[in-house]
């Protein structure tokens, strides 16, 4: 017997009670097969099974999602449609959005932390100390082949690493103990501005000191170790509140701390580290080092006096007797300018003492230009404006950066 093609009404298949309705509409009808009219020969048992099958399919849970219908044909294959769910739950969207949001929050937090850490270390002082390390290391070089050797760069990295960590400690401990003062003098710093919590500041400061000494121990250079230890002790005494400490309250002791760091600890430690530990040579001539120490001694004194000029308001409020609070801003300002100019004068004389003509020209003219810039810009400083004073203070550091490149040429 040929296969039968049954045609069901779509409405029938869309009703939950489709079985009863189907019987009511078609119980007295006949089917069309090959143009002939006849009564259906399908048994009641077969029809009941078909109805139960359709009801089972209709009673499956309907997902509130999108479906893709894959049509199988136009006749009885219509009942064999394949439904492929393209369901994307709200939880999926929510989890994906929250994951992206968390990633953005983490990246943003890391960026904010790094920016705060950058300002926490006083970048201009760290940059200046880095250039001082390079300049003092170059003083130990006797021939150009020393610079081309990988050994020189390894030794330079050894000098930079522990002192970089100690820079974080020195600047950090100063900001921790100046927390209340900086609310007046430097409210933009990470601690008073809230970019760093006080606890974070403590962790960074203590951790940096530990890492600095650990790096120095692993390197094994005695000149570096003694320089690092001296740097640590001097600036701890400068900032920490305690018996016979907090040296920054005394203008003479405060100036001595800066003088010892820039003029003695940095150049001597780095010079001897490169000369004796890295290059394994005996020190035969101290002339380049003496010129370097002479220049940085005078220049560091000018920096030490100048740094307190914009902080006079907070220093007065907390009883810090700096030269600016005692003598006045204007007088101290021009004293500082004079001291800095004399430092460039020493550098010019040191350059002219060289036996090489090109060294005389480069160092003499170079330091003369730096001195001229310093004097010219001093005339435009507004001492009633903290921004103007700080801008000139940054210029003092930038001129020192350039001088660090000129000083190693003097032999």
Protein backbone atom coordinates (compact mmCIF):
# COMPACT_ATOMS: atom_id res chain seq x y z
CA UNK A 1 0.00 0.00 0.00
CA UNK A 2 1.41 3.37 -1.02
CA UNK A 3 2.41 5.80 1.75
CA UNK A 4 -0.15 8.27 2.87
CA UNK A 5 0.30 12.04 3.03
CA UNK A 6 -1.61 13.49 5.99
CA UNK A 7 -2.34 17.22 6.07
CA UNK A 8 -2.94 18.67 9.54
CA UNK A 9 -4.21 22.14 10.15
CA UNK A 10 -1.51 24.35 11.72
CA UNK A 11 -4.09 25.62 14.19
CA UNK A 12 -4.52 22.13 15.50
CA UNK A 13 -0.85 21.83 16.38
CA UNK A 14 -0.83 25.10 18.27
CA UNK A 15 -3.43 24.09 20.88
CA UNK A 16 -2.66 22.33 24.13
CA UNK A 17 -5.88 20.24 23.77
CA UNK A 18 -5.23 19.60 20.09
CA UNK A 19 -6.13 15.90 20.32
CA UNK A 20 -9.77 16.42 21.26
CA UNK A 21 -10.20 19.27 18.80
CA UNK A 22 -8.74 17.18 16.00
CA UNK A 23 -11.23 14.41 16.65
CA UNK A 24 -14.15 16.86 16.72
CA UNK A 25 -13.24 18.41 13.37
CA UNK A 26 -12.19 15.35 11.44
CA UNK A 27 -14.09 12.40 12.87
CA UNK A 28 -16.76 12.60 10.12
CA UNK A 29 -14.48 13.61 7.26
CA UNK A 30 -12.77 11.62 4.59
CA UNK A 31 -9.26 11.80 3.27
CA UNK A 32 -8.13 12.51 -0.27
CA UNK A 33 -5.79 9.91 -1.72
CA UNK A 34 -4.91 9.71 -5.46
CA UNK A 35 -8.12 11.49 -6.39
CA UNK A 36 -10.26 8.70 -4.83
CA UNK A 37 -12.69 9.06 -2.00
CA UNK A 38 -12.55 6.47 0.80
CA UNK A 39 -12.87 6.07 4.56
CA UNK A 40 -9.55 6.07 6.44
CA UNK A 41 -8.21 2.60 7.03
CA UNK A 42 -5.95 3.69 9.86
CA UNK A 43 -6.85 1.97 13.04
CA UNK A 44 -7.97 3.84 16.12
CA UNK A 45 -4.84 2.66 17.93
CA UNK A 46 -2.57 4.23 15.31
CA UNK A 47 -4.45 7.56 15.37
CA UNK A 48 -4.31 7.66 19.15
CA UNK A 49 -0.56 7.10 19.08
CA UNK A 50 -0.09 9.93 16.56
CA UNK A 51 -2.16 12.32 18.67
CA UNK A 52 -0.25 11.44 21.84
CA UNK A 53 3.04 12.03 19.98
CA UNK A 54 1.91 15.51 18.86
CA UNK A 55 0.69 16.35 22.37
CA UNK A 56 4.03 15.30 23.83
CA UNK A 57 5.86 17.67 21.50
CA UNK A 58 3.46 20.51 22.25
CA UNK A 59 3.79 20.12 26.01
CA UNK A 60 7.60 20.58 26.01
CA UNK A 61 8.70 23.84 27.68
CA UNK A 62 8.82 26.72 25.27
CA UNK A 63 12.02 28.76 25.62
CA UNK A 64 11.59 32.50 25.53
CA UNK A 65 14.39 32.83 23.06
CA UNK A 66 15.05 33.04 19.36
CA UNK A 67 14.71 29.95 17.16
CA UNK A 68 15.96 29.16 13.76
CA UNK A 69 13.59 26.99 11.68
CA UNK A 70 15.18 24.59 9.25
CA UNK A 71 12.49 23.54 6.77
CA UNK A 72 12.59 19.93 5.67
CA UNK A 73 9.93 19.95 2.97
CA UNK A 74 6.39 20.94 1.96
CA UNK A 75 4.42 17.84 2.87
CA UNK A 76 4.77 15.49 5.80
CA UNK A 77 8.33 16.80 6.38
CA UNK A 78 6.69 19.92 7.81
CA UNK A 79 6.19 17.95 10.98
CA UNK A 80 9.91 17.15 11.08
CA UNK A 81 11.13 20.73 11.47
CA UNK A 82 14.38 21.06 13.36
CA UNK A 83 14.45 23.87 15.86
CA UNK A 84 17.94 25.12 16.68
CA UNK A 85 17.87 27.37 19.74
CA UNK A 86 19.96 30.52 19.56
CA UNK A 87 19.44 31.22 23.22
CA UNK A 88 21.60 33.76 25.04
CA UNK A 89 20.53 34.11 28.61
CA UNK A 90 20.51 37.36 30.57
CA UNK A 91 22.96 35.81 32.98
CA UNK A 92 25.42 35.33 30.10
CA UNK A 93 25.20 38.99 29.10
CA UNK A 94 25.45 40.05 32.72
CA UNK A 95 28.51 37.91 33.43
CA UNK A 96 30.26 39.11 30.28
CA UNK A 97 29.54 42.76 31.08
CA UNK A 98 30.64 42.36 34.68
CA UNK A 99 33.84 40.60 33.56
CA UNK A 100 34.67 43.44 31.17
CA UNK A 101 33.87 45.97 33.88
CA UNK A 102 36.11 44.18 36.37
CA UNK A 103 38.96 44.11 33.83
CA UNK A 104 38.60 47.85 33.23
CA UNK A 105 38.55 48.49 36.98
CA UNK A 106 41.73 46.46 37.48
CA UNK A 107 43.56 48.21 34.64
CA UNK A 108 42.38 51.60 35.87
CA UNK A 109 43.47 50.82 39.43
CA UNK A 110 46.94 49.75 38.26
CA UNK A 111 47.31 52.94 36.20
CA UNK A 112 46.25 55.13 39.12
CA UNK A 113 48.63 53.31 41.45
CA UNK A 114 51.60 53.74 39.07
CA UNK A 115 50.86 57.45 38.58
CA UNK A 116 50.64 57.95 42.35
CA UNK A 117 53.86 55.95 42.83
CA UNK A 118 55.56 58.14 40.24
CA UNK A 119 54.75 61.30 42.19
CA UNK A 120 55.42 59.60 45.52
CA UNK A 121 59.13 59.27 44.64
CA UNK A 122 59.64 62.93 43.60
CA UNK A 123 60.64 62.06 40.00
CA UNK A 124 62.89 65.08 39.51
CA UNK A 125 65.14 63.99 42.41
CA UNK A 126 65.26 60.39 41.19
CA UNK A 127 66.08 61.53 37.66
CA UNK A 128 68.82 63.81 39.00
CA UNK A 129 70.33 61.03 41.09
CA UNK A 130 70.25 58.70 38.06
CA UNK A 131 72.20 61.21 35.97
CA UNK A 132 74.59 61.71 38.87
CA UNK A 133 75.20 57.94 38.87
CA UNK A 134 75.97 57.94 35.15
CA UNK A 135 78.23 61.01 35.36
CA UNK A 136 80.24 59.73 38.35
CA UNK A 137 80.61 56.32 36.70
CA UNK A 138 81.97 57.98 33.55
CA UNK A 139 84.61 59.72 35.68
CA UNK A 140 86.12 56.29 36.35
CA UNK A 141 86.52 55.56 32.63
CA UNK A 142 90.08 55.90 31.31
CA UNK A 143 89.57 54.90 27.69
CA UNK A 144 86.66 54.59 25.26
CA UNK A 145 86.92 50.81 25.18
CA UNK A 146 85.71 50.78 28.80
CA UNK A 147 82.37 52.26 27.76
CA UNK A 148 81.91 49.80 24.91
CA UNK A 149 82.39 46.89 27.28
CA UNK A 150 79.24 45.16 28.61
CA UNK A 151 80.97 45.18 31.99
CA UNK A 152 80.51 48.96 32.26
CA UNK A 153 76.76 48.77 31.71
CA UNK A 154 76.41 45.88 34.16
CA UNK A 155 78.24 47.94 36.77
CA UNK A 156 76.06 50.95 36.00
CA UNK A 157 72.92 48.88 36.49
CA UNK A 158 74.32 47.59 39.78
CA UNK A 159 74.74 51.17 40.97
CA UNK A 160 71.31 52.29 39.80
CA UNK A 161 69.18 49.47 41.23
CA UNK A 162 69.72 49.70 45.02
CA UNK A 163 69.73 53.49 45.02
CA UNK A 164 66.50 53.55 43.03
CA UNK A 165 64.81 51.59 45.82
CA UNK A 166 66.40 53.85 48.43
CA UNK A 167 65.06 56.90 46.57
CA UNK A 168 61.55 55.57 47.16
CA UNK A 169 62.36 55.12 50.85
CA UNK A 170 63.90 58.58 51.31
CA UNK A 171 61.05 60.41 49.59
CA UNK A 172 58.44 58.16 51.18
CA UNK A 173 59.60 58.58 54.78
CA UNK A 174 59.75 62.34 54.28
CA UNK A 175 56.15 62.44 53.03
CA UNK A 176 54.90 60.16 55.81
CA UNK A 177 56.27 62.45 58.52
CA UNK A 178 55.28 65.60 56.61
CA UNK A 179 51.71 64.41 56.06
CA UNK A 180 50.05 67.29 57.92
CA UNK A 181 52.46 69.92 56.59
CA UNK A 182 51.98 68.77 53.00
CA UNK A 183 48.25 69.39 53.32
CA UNK A 184 49.23 73.06 53.29
CA UNK A 185 52.47 73.13 51.28
CA UNK A 186 51.94 70.31 48.75
CA UNK A 187 48.30 69.15 48.70
CA UNK A 188 48.82 67.62 45.23
CA UNK A 189 51.11 64.85 46.55
CA UNK A 190 49.71 61.27 46.72
CA UNK A 191 49.21 61.15 50.51
CA UNK A 192 47.48 64.49 51.19
CA UNK A 193 45.48 64.23 47.94
CA UNK A 194 44.21 60.74 48.87
CA UNK A 195 45.74 58.97 45.85
CA UNK A 196 47.67 56.84 48.37
CA UNK A 197 46.39 55.74 51.74
CA UNK A 198 48.73 56.19 54.68
CA UNK A 199 49.05 52.41 54.99
CA UNK A 200 50.03 52.08 51.33
CA UNK A 201 52.66 54.76 51.85
CA UNK A 202 54.13 52.85 54.81
CA UNK A 203 54.23 49.57 52.88
CA UNK A 204 55.92 51.15 49.84
CA UNK A 205 58.44 53.01 52.01
CA UNK A 206 59.47 50.07 54.21
CA UNK A 207 59.44 47.62 51.32
CA UNK A 208 61.69 49.90 49.25
CA UNK A 209 64.29 50.13 52.02
CA UNK A 210 64.35 46.34 52.38
CA UNK A 211 64.67 45.83 48.62
CA UNK A 212 67.49 48.39 48.42
CA UNK A 213 69.62 46.69 51.06
CA UNK A 214 68.83 43.25 49.63
CA UNK A 215 69.95 44.34 46.15
CA UNK A 216 73.15 45.84 47.57
CA UNK A 217 73.90 42.64 49.49
CA UNK A 218 73.43 40.50 46.38
CA UNK A 219 75.70 42.78 44.30
CA UNK A 220 78.47 42.65 46.90
CA UNK A 221 80.08 46.03 46.21
CA UNK A 222 81.39 47.68 49.41
CA UNK A 223 81.44 51.22 47.96
CA UNK A 224 77.77 50.83 47.06
CA UNK A 225 76.85 49.34 50.42
CA UNK A 226 78.47 52.11 52.48
CA UNK A 227 77.02 54.77 50.22
CA UNK A 228 73.56 53.23 50.50
CA UNK A 229 73.78 52.90 54.27
CA UNK A 230 74.92 56.54 54.63
CA UNK A 231 72.10 57.69 52.36
CA UNK A 232 69.58 55.73 54.45
CA UNK A 233 70.82 57.04 57.82
CA UNK A 234 71.12 60.69 56.79
CA UNK A 235 67.63 60.95 55.34
CA UNK A 236 66.05 58.94 58.13
CA UNK A 237 67.47 61.47 60.58
CA UNK A 238 66.27 64.29 58.33
CA UNK A 239 62.61 63.19 58.35
CA UNK A 240 61.84 60.96 61.36
CA UNK A 241 60.48 62.56 64.51
CA UNK A 242 62.43 61.50 67.60
CA UNK A 243 65.12 62.51 70.08
CA UNK A 244 67.97 64.32 68.27
CA UNK A 245 66.23 63.62 64.95
CA UNK A 246 63.98 65.57 62.57
CA UNK A 247 67.02 67.48 61.30
CA UNK A 248 64.94 69.33 58.74
CA UNK A 249 63.75 71.65 61.50
CA UNK A 250 67.27 73.06 61.69
CA UNK A 251 68.22 74.88 58.47
CA UNK A 252 71.93 74.15 58.84
CA UNK A 253 71.40 70.41 59.41
CA UNK A 254 68.86 70.27 56.55
CA UNK A 255 71.35 71.87 54.15
CA UNK A 256 74.04 69.47 55.36
CA UNK A 257 71.87 66.45 54.48
CA UNK A 258 71.41 67.61 50.89
CA UNK A 259 75.08 68.59 50.63
CA UNK A 260 76.28 65.18 51.84
CA UNK A 261 74.02 63.30 49.41
CA UNK A 262 74.64 65.24 46.21
CA UNK A 263 78.27 66.25 46.76
CA UNK A 264 79.78 63.32 48.68
CA UNK A 265 77.75 60.10 48.86
CA UNK A 266 76.64 59.89 45.23
CA UNK A 267 79.83 60.80 43.34
CA UNK A 268 82.28 59.01 45.67
CA UNK A 269 80.21 55.80 45.95
CA UNK A 270 79.57 55.50 42.23
CA UNK A 271 83.13 56.45 41.24
CA UNK A 272 84.77 53.88 43.52
CA UNK A 273 82.22 51.22 42.66
CA UNK A 274 82.97 51.54 38.95
CA UNK A 275 86.71 51.96 39.38
CA UNK A 276 87.52 49.28 41.94
CA UNK A 277 84.63 46.81 41.86
CA UNK A 278 83.65 46.79 38.19
CA UNK A 279 86.79 47.74 36.25
CA UNK A 280 89.12 46.26 38.90
CA UNK A 281 91.59 49.16 38.73
CA UNK A 282 93.43 51.16 41.33
CA UNK A 283 92.55 54.82 41.78
CA UNK A 284 95.49 56.80 40.37
CA UNK A 285 94.01 60.27 39.77
CA UNK A 286 91.28 62.03 41.72
CA UNK A 287 91.31 65.25 39.68
CA UNK A 288 88.04 64.58 37.75
CA UNK A 289 86.32 63.49 40.97
CA UNK A 290 87.51 66.58 42.86
CA UNK A 291 86.10 68.92 40.19
CA UNK A 292 82.83 67.02 40.29
CA UNK A 293 82.63 67.22 44.11
CA UNK A 294 83.48 70.93 44.10
CA UNK A 295 80.71 71.78 41.62
CA UNK A 296 78.02 69.62 43.24
CA UNK A 297 78.97 70.89 46.73
CA UNK A 298 78.19 74.48 45.83
CA UNK A 299 75.18 73.65 43.66
CA UNK A 300 73.63 71.37 46.31
CA UNK A 301 73.89 74.21 48.86
CA UNK A 302 71.85 76.45 46.54
CA UNK A 303 69.22 73.70 46.11
CA UNK A 304 69.08 73.12 49.88
CA UNK A 305 68.29 76.77 50.57
CA UNK A 306 65.92 77.20 47.64
CA UNK A 307 63.69 74.17 48.32
CA UNK A 308 62.09 75.78 51.38
CA UNK A 309 61.16 79.08 49.70
CA UNK A 310 57.71 77.93 48.42
CA UNK A 311 57.00 76.06 51.69
CA UNK A 312 57.23 79.06 54.00
CA UNK A 313 53.52 79.03 54.92
CA UNK A 314 53.43 75.45 56.16
CA UNK A 315 56.86 75.70 57.81
CA UNK A 316 55.70 78.69 59.87
CA UNK A 317 52.51 76.88 60.90
CA UNK A 318 54.45 73.84 62.19
CA UNK A 319 57.43 75.67 63.67
CA UNK A 320 60.10 74.68 61.14
CA UNK A 321 62.78 77.37 61.24
CA UNK A 322 64.11 77.38 57.67
CA UNK A 323 66.24 80.18 56.26
CA UNK A 324 63.19 81.40 54.33
CA UNK A 325 61.09 81.78 57.49
CA UNK A 326 63.94 83.60 59.24
CA UNK A 327 65.32 85.85 56.50
CA UNK A 328 62.36 86.17 54.14
CA UNK A 329 61.70 84.74 50.70
CA UNK A 330 63.20 87.49 48.57
CA UNK A 331 66.53 87.63 50.39
CA UNK A 332 66.97 83.85 50.38
CA UNK A 333 65.96 83.68 46.72
CA UNK A 334 68.76 85.98 45.55
CA UNK A 335 71.27 84.29 47.88
CA UNK A 336 70.40 80.99 46.20
CA UNK A 337 70.76 82.45 42.71
CA UNK A 338 74.20 83.81 43.63
CA UNK A 339 75.34 80.46 45.04
CA UNK A 340 74.16 78.59 41.94
CA UNK A 341 75.92 81.09 39.67
CA UNK A 342 79.15 80.60 41.59
CA UNK A 343 78.85 76.84 41.05
CA UNK A 344 78.76 77.39 37.29
CA UNK A 345 81.76 79.71 37.69
CA UNK A 346 83.74 76.87 39.31
CA UNK A 347 82.72 74.53 36.47
CA UNK A 348 83.91 77.06 33.86
CA UNK A 349 87.32 77.36 35.57
CA UNK A 350 87.58 73.58 35.83
CA UNK A 351 86.88 73.24 32.12
CA UNK A 352 89.48 75.86 31.20
CA UNK A 353 92.10 73.93 33.19
CA UNK A 354 91.85 71.00 30.79
CA UNK A 355 94.76 70.36 28.41
CA UNK A 356 92.37 69.64 25.53
CA UNK A 357 91.11 72.61 23.52
CA UNK A 358 87.79 71.05 22.58
CA UNK A 359 87.11 70.27 26.27
CA UNK A 360 87.80 73.92 27.17
CA UNK A 361 85.38 75.13 24.52
CA UNK A 362 82.58 72.67 25.21
CA UNK A 363 82.63 72.83 28.99
CA UNK A 364 83.43 76.56 29.20
CA UNK A 365 80.73 77.66 26.77
CA UNK A 366 78.27 75.07 28.00
CA UNK A 367 78.40 76.13 31.64
CA UNK A 368 78.39 79.81 30.63
CA UNK A 369 75.13 79.27 28.74
CA UNK A 370 73.59 77.46 31.72
CA UNK A 371 74.57 80.31 34.04
CA UNK A 372 73.05 82.86 31.66
CA UNK A 373 69.74 80.98 31.51
CA UNK A 374 69.61 80.77 35.30
CA UNK A 375 70.20 84.51 35.76
CA UNK A 376 67.83 85.57 32.98
CA UNK A 377 64.90 83.49 34.25
CA UNK A 378 65.42 84.67 37.83
CA UNK A 379 64.21 88.15 36.89
CA UNK A 380 60.74 86.83 36.00
CA UNK A 381 60.01 84.86 39.18
CA UNK A 382 56.98 86.05 41.15
CA UNK A 383 57.73 85.24 44.81
CA UNK A 384 54.05 85.67 45.72
CA UNK A 385 53.11 82.83 43.37
CA UNK A 386 54.00 79.27 44.48
CA UNK A 387 53.64 78.04 40.91
CA UNK A 388 56.22 80.54 39.67
CA UNK A 389 58.68 79.60 42.44
CA UNK A 390 58.29 75.86 41.81
CA UNK A 391 58.75 76.39 38.07
CA UNK A 392 62.09 78.10 38.71
CA UNK A 393 63.04 75.33 41.17
CA UNK A 394 62.44 72.78 38.41
CA UNK A 395 64.64 74.88 36.10
CA UNK A 396 67.45 74.64 38.67
CA UNK A 397 67.23 70.83 38.52
CA UNK A 398 67.09 70.78 34.72
CA UNK A 399 70.24 72.90 34.48
CA UNK A 400 71.92 70.44 36.84
CA UNK A 401 70.90 67.59 34.52
CA UNK A 402 72.73 69.26 31.63
CA UNK A 403 75.79 69.98 33.82
CA UNK A 404 76.02 66.28 34.66
CA UNK A 405 76.71 65.59 30.97
CA UNK A 406 79.46 68.24 30.84
CA UNK A 407 81.37 67.44 34.03
CA UNK A 408 82.73 63.99 32.95
CA UNK A 409 84.51 65.71 30.03
CA UNK A 410 86.83 67.58 32.41
CA UNK A 411 90.08 65.61 32.81
